[in-house]
Amino acid sequence: FLNYKERIFDFHIWDVDKPEKAGWCVEAGRGIIDFPRFFRMLREHNYTGTCSLEYGKDMNDPLPGIAESIGYFGGVLAGMGRAT
């Protein structure tokens, strides 16, 4: 991010269960990504672009996992003092 921050305007974010290509998508907060640290870094560098949730698990019924992930991100942002 730091090397290209002037050119980045959008992140597609999701969580995974392990740090390799064979890793599986999981609900945000249940995997290995340190989202609080990631969002703090974005805030410290005045990132004004978007972060779009990607979710690729349980495609026959994805809404519960999407709702859980959105709730998790809302909690992370609220803990940072901003819930938007």
PDB file of N, CA and C in Angstrom:
ATOM      1  N   PHE A   1       0.820  -1.193   0.000  1.00  0.00           N
ATOM      2  CA  PHE A   1       0.000   0.000   0.000  1.00  0.00           C
ATOM      3  C   PHE A   1       0.862   1.254   0.000  1.00  0.00           C
ATOM      4  N   LEU A   2       1.851   1.290   0.867  1.00  0.00           N
ATOM      5  CA  LEU A   2       2.639   2.513   1.006  1.00  0.00           C
ATOM      6  C   LEU A   2       3.342   2.908  -0.285  1.00  0.00           C
ATOM      7  N   ASN A   3       3.793   1.934  -1.060  1.00  0.00           N
ATOM      8  CA  ASN A   3       4.493   2.250  -2.306  1.00  0.00           C
ATOM      9  C   ASN A   3       3.566   2.777  -3.388  1.00  0.00           C
ATOM     10  N   TYR A   4       2.279   2.456  -3.306  1.00  0.00           N
ATOM     11  CA  TYR A   4       1.345   2.805  -4.379  1.00  0.00           C
ATOM     12  C   TYR A   4       0.120   3.561  -3.883  1.00  0.00           C
ATOM     13  N   LYS A   5       0.168   4.111  -2.683  1.00  0.00           N
ATOM     14  CA  LYS A   5      -1.033   4.694  -2.086  1.00  0.00           C
ATOM     15  C   LYS A   5      -1.647   5.812  -2.913  1.00  0.00           C
ATOM     16  N   GLU A   6      -0.873   6.509  -3.693  1.00  0.00           N
ATOM     17  CA  GLU A   6      -1.420   7.583  -4.531  1.00  0.00           C
ATOM     18  C   GLU A   6      -2.223   7.030  -5.705  1.00  0.00           C
ATOM     19  N   ARG A   7      -2.058   5.755  -6.005  1.00  0.00           N
ATOM     20  CA  ARG A   7      -2.738   5.152  -7.156  1.00  0.00           C
ATOM     21  C   ARG A   7      -3.872   4.208  -6.760  1.00  0.00           C
ATOM     22  N   ILE A   8      -3.993   3.913  -5.484  1.00  0.00           N
ATOM     23  CA  ILE A   8      -5.007   2.957  -5.025  1.00  0.00           C
ATOM     24  C   ILE A   8      -6.273   3.702  -4.631  1.00  0.00           C
ATOM     25  N   PHE A   9      -7.386   3.273  -5.181  1.00  0.00           N
ATOM     26  CA  PHE A   9      -8.668   3.915  -4.876  1.00  0.00           C
ATOM     27  C   PHE A   9      -9.723   2.917  -4.407  1.00  0.00           C
ATOM     28  N   ASP A  10      -9.400   1.619  -4.401  1.00  0.00           N
ATOM     29  CA  ASP A  10     -10.387   0.613  -4.032  1.00  0.00           C
ATOM     30  C   ASP A  10      -9.690  -0.653  -3.550  1.00  0.00           C
ATOM     31  N   PHE A  11     -10.160  -1.185  -2.430  1.00  0.00           N
ATOM     32  CA  PHE A  11      -9.702  -2.478  -1.931  1.00  0.00           C
ATOM     33  C   PHE A  11     -10.866  -3.448  -1.957  1.00  0.00           C
ATOM     34  N   HIS A  12     -10.613  -4.659  -2.380  1.00  0.00           N
ATOM     35  CA  HIS A  12     -11.569  -5.753  -2.267  1.00  0.00           C
ATOM     36  C   HIS A  12     -11.058  -6.611  -1.119  1.00  0.00           C
ATOM     37  N   ILE A  13     -11.821  -6.687  -0.051  1.00  0.00           N
ATOM     38  CA  ILE A  13     -11.326  -7.334   1.158  1.00  0.00           C
ATOM     39  C   ILE A  13     -12.138  -8.579   1.500  1.00  0.00           C
ATOM     40  N   TRP A  14     -11.431  -9.594   1.984  1.00  0.00           N
ATOM     41  CA  TRP A  14     -12.045 -10.831   2.470  1.00  0.00           C
ATOM     42  C   TRP A  14     -11.059 -11.488   3.419  1.00  0.00           C
ATOM     43  N   ASP A  15     -11.543 -12.410   4.196  1.00  0.00           N
ATOM     44  CA  ASP A  15     -10.699 -13.119   5.154  1.00  0.00           C
ATOM     45  C   ASP A  15     -10.477 -14.544   4.652  1.00  0.00           C
ATOM     46  N   VAL A  16      -9.366 -15.130   5.016  1.00  0.00           N
ATOM     47  CA  VAL A  16      -9.020 -16.496   4.612  1.00  0.00           C
ATOM     48  C   VAL A  16      -8.547 -17.277   5.834  1.00  0.00           C
ATOM     49  N   ASP A  17      -8.614 -18.604   5.730  1.00  0.00           N
ATOM     50  CA  ASP A  17      -8.256 -19.435   6.878  1.00  0.00           C
ATOM     51  C   ASP A  17      -6.782 -19.792   6.966  1.00  0.00           C
ATOM     52  N   LYS A  18      -6.027 -19.592   5.894  1.00  0.00           N
ATOM     53  CA  LYS A  18      -4.586 -19.845   5.952  1.00  0.00           C
ATOM     54  C   LYS A  18      -3.871 -19.025   4.878  1.00  0.00           C
ATOM     55  N   PRO A  19      -2.583 -18.745   5.096  1.00  0.00           N
ATOM     56  CA  PRO A  19      -1.840 -17.845   4.213  1.00  0.00           C
ATOM     57  C   PRO A  19      -1.236 -18.538   2.996  1.00  0.00           C
ATOM     58  N   GLU A  20      -2.062 -19.125   2.180  1.00  0.00           N
ATOM     59  CA  GLU A  20      -1.564 -19.785   0.976  1.00  0.00           C
ATOM     60  C   GLU A  20      -2.682 -19.855  -0.052  1.00  0.00           C
ATOM     61  N   LYS A  21      -2.329 -20.195  -1.286  1.00  0.00           N
ATOM     62  CA  LYS A  21      -3.333 -20.260  -2.353  1.00  0.00           C
ATOM     63  C   LYS A  21      -4.459 -21.229  -2.046  1.00  0.00           C
ATOM     64  N   ALA A  22      -4.170 -22.261  -1.282  1.00  0.00           N
ATOM     65  CA  ALA A  22      -5.193 -23.254  -0.955  1.00  0.00           C
ATOM     66  C   ALA A  22      -6.110 -22.793   0.176  1.00  0.00           C
ATOM     67  N   GLY A  23      -5.882 -21.585   0.699  1.00  0.00           N
ATOM     68  CA  GLY A  23      -6.723 -21.078   1.776  1.00  0.00           C
ATOM     69  C   GLY A  23      -8.155 -20.859   1.309  1.00  0.00           C
ATOM     70  N   TRP A  24      -9.088 -20.980   2.243  1.00  0.00           N
ATOM     71  CA  TRP A  24     -10.504 -20.825   1.942  1.00  0.00           C
ATOM     72  C   TRP A  24     -11.026 -19.512   2.499  1.00  0.00           C
ATOM     73  N   CYS A  25     -11.974 -18.935   1.799  1.00  0.00           N
ATOM     74  CA  CYS A  25     -12.663 -17.740   2.269  1.00  0.00           C
ATOM     75  C   CYS A  25     -13.471 -18.093   3.518  1.00  0.00           C
ATOM     76  N   VAL A  26     -13.384 -17.242   4.531  1.00  0.00           N
ATOM     77  CA  VAL A  26     -14.171 -17.408   5.750  1.00  0.00           C
ATOM     78  C   VAL A  26     -14.801 -16.064   6.108  1.00  0.00           C
ATOM     79  N   GLU A  27     -15.734 -16.090   7.038  1.00  0.00           N
ATOM     80  CA  GLU A  27     -16.354 -14.861   7.494  1.00  0.00           C
ATOM     81  C   GLU A  27     -15.278 -13.940   8.066  1.00  0.00           C
ATOM     82  N   ALA A  28     -15.412 -12.639   7.824  1.00  0.00           N
ATOM     83  CA  ALA A  28     -14.439 -11.672   8.331  1.00  0.00           C
ATOM     84  C   ALA A  28     -14.345 -11.793   9.848  1.00  0.00           C
ATOM     85  N   GLY A  29     -13.109 -11.820  10.333  1.00  0.00           N
ATOM     86  CA  GLY A  29     -12.863 -11.962  11.758  1.00  0.00           C
ATOM     87  C   GLY A  29     -12.614 -13.393  12.194  1.00  0.00           C
ATOM     88  N   ARG A  30     -12.894 -14.358  11.332  1.00  0.00           N
ATOM     89  CA  ARG A  30     -12.670 -15.768  11.671  1.00  0.00           C
ATOM     90  C   ARG A  30     -11.383 -16.309  11.044  1.00  0.00           C
ATOM     91  N   GLY A  31     -10.730 -15.496  10.247  1.00  0.00           N
ATOM     92  CA  GLY A  31      -9.533 -15.941   9.548  1.00  0.00           C
ATOM     93  C   GLY A  31      -8.268 -15.319  10.106  1.00  0.00           C
ATOM     94  N   ILE A  32      -7.286 -15.168   9.239  1.00  0.00           N
ATOM     95  CA  ILE A  32      -5.953 -14.749   9.670  1.00  0.00           C
ATOM     96  C   ILE A  32      -5.636 -13.280   9.403  1.00  0.00           C
ATOM     97  N   ILE A  33      -6.508 -12.571   8.709  1.00  0.00           N
ATOM     98  CA  ILE A  33      -6.227 -11.177   8.368  1.00  0.00           C
ATOM     99  C   ILE A  33      -6.448 -10.290   9.595  1.00  0.00           C
ATOM    100  N   ASP A  34      -5.486  -9.422   9.872  1.00  0.00           N
ATOM    101  CA  ASP A  34      -5.586  -8.487  10.999  1.00  0.00           C
ATOM    102  C   ASP A  34      -6.261  -7.209  10.499  1.00  0.00           C
ATOM    103  N   PHE A  35      -7.590  -7.241  10.415  1.00  0.00           N
ATOM    104  CA  PHE A  35      -8.321  -6.092   9.879  1.00  0.00           C
ATOM    105  C   PHE A  35      -8.198  -4.839  10.734  1.00  0.00           C
ATOM    106  N   PRO A  36      -8.201  -4.916  12.063  1.00  0.00           N
ATOM    107  CA  PRO A  36      -8.003  -3.681  12.827  1.00  0.00           C
ATOM    108  C   PRO A  36      -6.689  -2.984  12.456  1.00  0.00           C
ATOM    109  N   ARG A  37      -5.639  -3.751  12.316  1.00  0.00           N
ATOM    110  CA  ARG A  37      -4.343  -3.169  11.922  1.00  0.00           C
ATOM    111  C   ARG A  37      -4.426  -2.584  10.516  1.00  0.00           C
ATOM    112  N   PHE A  38      -5.064  -3.309   9.599  1.00  0.00           N
ATOM    113  CA  PHE A  38      -5.204  -2.845   8.221  1.00  0.00           C
ATOM    114  C   PHE A  38      -5.961  -1.520   8.173  1.00  0.00           C
ATOM    115  N   PHE A  39      -7.089  -1.431   8.882  1.00  0.00           N
ATOM    116  CA  PHE A  39      -7.876  -0.196   8.863  1.00  0.00           C
ATOM    117  C   PHE A  39      -7.152   0.954   9.559  1.00  0.00           C
ATOM    118  N   ARG A  40      -6.401   0.662  10.619  1.00  0.00           N
ATOM    119  CA  ARG A  40      -5.601   1.723  11.258  1.00  0.00           C
ATOM    120  C   ARG A  40      -4.576   2.278  10.282  1.00  0.00           C
ATOM    121  N   MET A  41      -3.930   1.381   9.518  1.00  0.00           N
ATOM    122  CA  MET A  41      -2.946   1.829   8.536  1.00  0.00           C
ATOM    123  C   MET A  41      -3.602   2.721   7.490  1.00  0.00           C
ATOM    124  N   LEU A  42      -4.784   2.327   7.012  1.00  0.00           N
ATOM    125  CA  LEU A  42      -5.482   3.158   6.028  1.00  0.00           C
ATOM    126  C   LEU A  42      -5.795   4.533   6.606  1.00  0.00           C
ATOM    127  N   ARG A  43      -6.262   4.558   7.848  1.00  0.00           N
ATOM    128  CA  ARG A  43      -6.591   5.839   8.481  1.00  0.00           C
ATOM    129  C   ARG A  43      -5.336   6.695   8.663  1.00  0.00           C
ATOM    130  N   GLU A  44      -4.248   6.089   9.107  1.00  0.00           N
ATOM    131  CA  GLU A  44      -3.004   6.836   9.325  1.00  0.00           C
ATOM    132  C   GLU A  44      -2.502   7.489   8.048  1.00  0.00           C
ATOM    133  N   HIS A  45      -2.814   6.896   6.907  1.00  0.00           N
ATOM    134  CA  HIS A  45      -2.347   7.428   5.630  1.00  0.00           C
ATOM    135  C   HIS A  45      -3.459   8.125   4.852  1.00  0.00           C
ATOM    136  N   ASN A  46      -4.536   8.477   5.571  1.00  0.00           N
ATOM    137  CA  ASN A  46      -5.633   9.270   5.004  1.00  0.00           C
ATOM    138  C   ASN A  46      -6.235   8.668   3.744  1.00  0.00           C
ATOM    139  N   TYR A  47      -6.385   7.357   3.729  1.00  0.00           N
ATOM    140  CA  TYR A  47      -7.019   6.686   2.595  1.00  0.00           C
ATOM    141  C   TYR A  47      -8.476   7.121   2.514  1.00  0.00           C
ATOM    142  N   THR A  48      -8.912   7.559   1.336  1.00  0.00           N
ATOM    143  CA  THR A  48     -10.291   8.030   1.156  1.00  0.00           C
ATOM    144  C   THR A  48     -11.058   7.201   0.135  1.00  0.00           C
ATOM    145  N   GLY A  49     -10.477   6.111  -0.316  1.00  0.00           N
ATOM    146  CA  GLY A  49     -11.153   5.256  -1.287  1.00  0.00           C
ATOM    147  C   GLY A  49     -12.146   4.323  -0.616  1.00  0.00           C
ATOM    148  N   THR A  50     -12.549   3.309  -1.345  1.00  0.00           N
ATOM    149  CA  THR A  50     -13.533   2.363  -0.827  1.00  0.00           C
ATOM    150  C   THR A  50     -12.874   1.041  -0.437  1.00  0.00           C
ATOM    151  N   CYS A  51     -13.570   0.313   0.415  1.00  0.00           N
ATOM    152  CA  CYS A  51     -13.226  -1.063   0.756  1.00  0.00           C
ATOM    153  C   CYS A  51     -14.481  -1.881   0.494  1.00  0.00           C
ATOM    154  N   SER A  52     -14.409  -2.783  -0.455  1.00  0.00           N
ATOM    155  CA  SER A  52     -15.566  -3.593  -0.835  1.00  0.00           C
ATOM    156  C   SER A  52     -15.408  -5.000  -0.282  1.00  0.00           C
ATOM    157  N   LEU A  53     -16.443  -5.482   0.397  1.00  0.00           N
ATOM    158  CA  LEU A  53     -16.424  -6.832   0.938  1.00  0.00           C
ATOM    159  C   LEU A  53     -16.592  -7.841  -0.185  1.00  0.00           C
ATOM    160  N   GLU A  54     -15.699  -8.826  -0.218  1.00  0.00           N
ATOM    161  CA  GLU A  54     -15.864  -9.969  -1.113  1.00  0.00           C
ATOM    162  C   GLU A  54     -16.114 -11.180  -0.232  1.00  0.00           C
ATOM    163  N   TYR A  55     -17.009 -12.023  -0.660  1.00  0.00           N
ATOM    164  CA  TYR A  55     -17.353 -13.197   0.135  1.00  0.00           C
ATOM    165  C   TYR A  55     -17.605 -14.343  -0.813  1.00  0.00           C
ATOM    166  N   GLY A  56     -16.849 -15.429  -0.665  1.00  0.00           N
ATOM    167  CA  GLY A  56     -16.961 -16.541  -1.592  1.00  0.00           C
ATOM    168  C   GLY A  56     -17.245 -17.870  -0.929  1.00  0.00           C
ATOM    169  N   LYS A  57     -17.891 -17.852   0.212  1.00  0.00           N
ATOM    170  CA  LYS A  57     -18.194 -19.080   0.942  1.00  0.00           C
ATOM    171  C   LYS A  57     -19.709 -19.292   0.948  1.00  0.00           C
ATOM    172  N   ASP A  58     -20.124 -20.548   0.942  1.00  0.00           N
ATOM    173  CA  ASP A  58     -21.547 -20.886   1.047  1.00  0.00           C
ATOM    174  C   ASP A  58     -22.391 -20.149   0.013  1.00  0.00           C
ATOM    175  N   MET A  59     -22.027 -20.291  -1.238  1.00  0.00           N
ATOM    176  CA  MET A  59     -22.717 -19.525  -2.271  1.00  0.00           C
ATOM    177  C   MET A  59     -24.182 -19.927  -2.456  1.00  0.00           C
ATOM    178  N   ASN A  60     -24.602 -21.062  -1.913  1.00  0.00           N
ATOM    179  CA  ASN A  60     -26.022 -21.412  -1.955  1.00  0.00           C
ATOM    180  C   ASN A  60     -26.834 -20.591  -0.960  1.00  0.00           C
ATOM    181  N   ASP A  61     -26.174 -20.088   0.086  1.00  0.00           N
ATOM    182  CA  ASP A  61     -26.833 -19.260   1.099  1.00  0.00           C
ATOM    183  C   ASP A  61     -25.804 -18.311   1.715  1.00  0.00           C
ATOM    184  N   PRO A  62     -25.335 -17.314   0.957  1.00  0.00           N
ATOM    185  CA  PRO A  62     -24.253 -16.463   1.432  1.00  0.00           C
ATOM    186  C   PRO A  62     -24.667 -15.374   2.423  1.00  0.00           C
ATOM    187  N   LEU A  63     -25.951 -15.057   2.523  1.00  0.00           N
ATOM    188  CA  LEU A  63     -26.365 -13.903   3.327  1.00  0.00           C
ATOM    189  C   LEU A  63     -25.964 -13.978   4.799  1.00  0.00           C
ATOM    190  N   PRO A  64     -26.068 -15.121   5.480  1.00  0.00           N
ATOM    191  CA  PRO A  64     -25.625 -15.141   6.884  1.00  0.00           C
ATOM    192  C   PRO A  64     -24.142 -14.788   7.044  1.00  0.00           C
ATOM    193  N   GLY A  65     -23.289 -15.308   6.182  1.00  0.00           N
ATOM    194  CA  GLY A  65     -21.863 -15.002   6.266  1.00  0.00           C
ATOM    195  C   GLY A  65     -21.557 -13.562   5.901  1.00  0.00           C
ATOM    196  N   ILE A  66     -22.279 -13.031   4.925  1.00  0.00           N
ATOM    197  CA  ILE A  66     -22.103 -11.624   4.554  1.00  0.00           C
ATOM    198  C   ILE A  66     -22.527 -10.736   5.715  1.00  0.00           C
ATOM    199  N   ALA A  67     -23.676 -11.047   6.324  1.00  0.00           N
ATOM    200  CA  ALA A  67     -24.156 -10.255   7.460  1.00  0.00           C
ATOM    201  C   ALA A  67     -23.165 -10.309   8.623  1.00  0.00           C
ATOM    202  N   GLU A  68     -22.620 -11.494   8.895  1.00  0.00           N
ATOM    203  CA  GLU A  68     -21.628 -11.620   9.970  1.00  0.00           C
ATOM    204  C   GLU A  68     -20.399 -10.777   9.663  1.00  0.00           C
ATOM    205  N   SER A  69     -19.936 -10.807   8.425  1.00  0.00           N
ATOM    206  CA  SER A  69     -18.749 -10.044   8.035  1.00  0.00           C
ATOM    207  C   SER A  69     -19.001  -8.547   8.145  1.00  0.00           C
ATOM    208  N   ILE A  70     -20.158  -8.090   7.697  1.00  0.00           N
ATOM    209  CA  ILE A  70     -20.492  -6.665   7.802  1.00  0.00           C
ATOM    210  C   ILE A  70     -20.559  -6.253   9.274  1.00  0.00           C
ATOM    211  N   GLY A  71     -21.161  -7.095  10.108  1.00  0.00           N
ATOM    212  CA  GLY A  71     -21.212  -6.804  11.538  1.00  0.00           C
ATOM    213  C   GLY A  71     -19.831  -6.723  12.155  1.00  0.00           C
ATOM    214  N   TYR A  72     -18.951  -7.622  11.743  1.00  0.00           N
ATOM    215  CA  TYR A  72     -17.576  -7.602  12.252  1.00  0.00           C
ATOM    216  C   TYR A  72     -16.887  -6.296  11.868  1.00  0.00           C
ATOM    217  N   PHE A  73     -16.979  -5.914  10.597  1.00  0.00           N
ATOM    218  CA  PHE A  73     -16.330  -4.676  10.161  1.00  0.00           C
ATOM    219  C   PHE A  73     -16.922  -3.464  10.866  1.00  0.00           C
ATOM    220  N   GLY A  74     -18.225  -3.466  11.076  1.00  0.00           N
ATOM    221  CA  GLY A  74     -18.846  -2.370  11.822  1.00  0.00           C
ATOM    222  C   GLY A  74     -18.283  -2.261  13.225  1.00  0.00           C
ATOM    223  N   GLY A  75     -18.068  -3.401  13.879  1.00  0.00           N
ATOM    224  CA  GLY A  75     -17.479  -3.402  15.212  1.00  0.00           C
ATOM    225  C   GLY A  75     -16.046  -2.906  15.217  1.00  0.00           C
ATOM    226  N   VAL A  76     -15.275  -3.315  14.228  1.00  0.00           N
ATOM    227  CA  VAL A  76     -13.882  -2.849  14.127  1.00  0.00           C
ATOM    228  C   VAL A  76     -13.857  -1.336  13.964  1.00  0.00           C
ATOM    229  N   LEU A  77     -14.669  -0.813  13.062  1.00  0.00           N
ATOM    230  CA  LEU A  77     -14.684   0.630  12.822  1.00  0.00           C
ATOM    231  C   LEU A  77     -15.218   1.390  14.028  1.00  0.00           C
ATOM    232  N   ALA A  78     -16.232   0.847  14.696  1.00  0.00           N
ATOM    233  CA  ALA A  78     -16.756   1.497  15.898  1.00  0.00           C
ATOM    234  C   ALA A  78     -15.679   1.556  16.979  1.00  0.00           C
ATOM    235  N   GLY A  79     -14.883   0.508  17.078  1.00  0.00           N
ATOM    236  CA  GLY A  79     -13.790   0.489  18.039  1.00  0.00           C
ATOM    237  C   GLY A  79     -12.706   1.502  17.724  1.00  0.00           C
ATOM    238  N   MET A  80     -12.658   1.933  16.479  1.00  0.00           N
ATOM    239  CA  MET A  80     -11.697   2.951  16.068  1.00  0.00           C
ATOM    240  C   MET A  80     -12.288   4.351  16.215  1.00  0.00           C
ATOM    241  N   GLY A  81     -13.546   4.424  16.629  1.00  0.00           N
ATOM    242  CA  GLY A  81     -14.169   5.724  16.812  1.00  0.00           C
ATOM    243  C   GLY A  81     -15.000   6.181  15.637  1.00  0.00           C
ATOM    244  N   ARG A  82     -15.180   5.314  14.642  1.00  0.00           N
ATOM    245  CA  ARG A  82     -15.999   5.674  13.485  1.00  0.00           C
ATOM    246  C   ARG A  82     -16.700   4.419  12.999  1.00  0.00           C
ATOM    247  N   ALA A  83     -18.001   4.481  12.870  1.00  0.00           N
ATOM    248  CA  ALA A  83     -18.774   3.312  12.440  1.00  0.00           C
ATOM    249  C   ALA A  83     -19.283   3.452  11.024  1.00  0.00           C
ATOM    250  N   THR A  84     -18.593   4.202  10.190  1.00  0.00           N
ATOM    251  CA  THR A  84     -19.018   4.333   8.790  1.00  0.00           C
ATOM    252  C   THR A  84     -17.925   3.860   7.882  1.00  0.00           C
TER     253      THR A  84
END
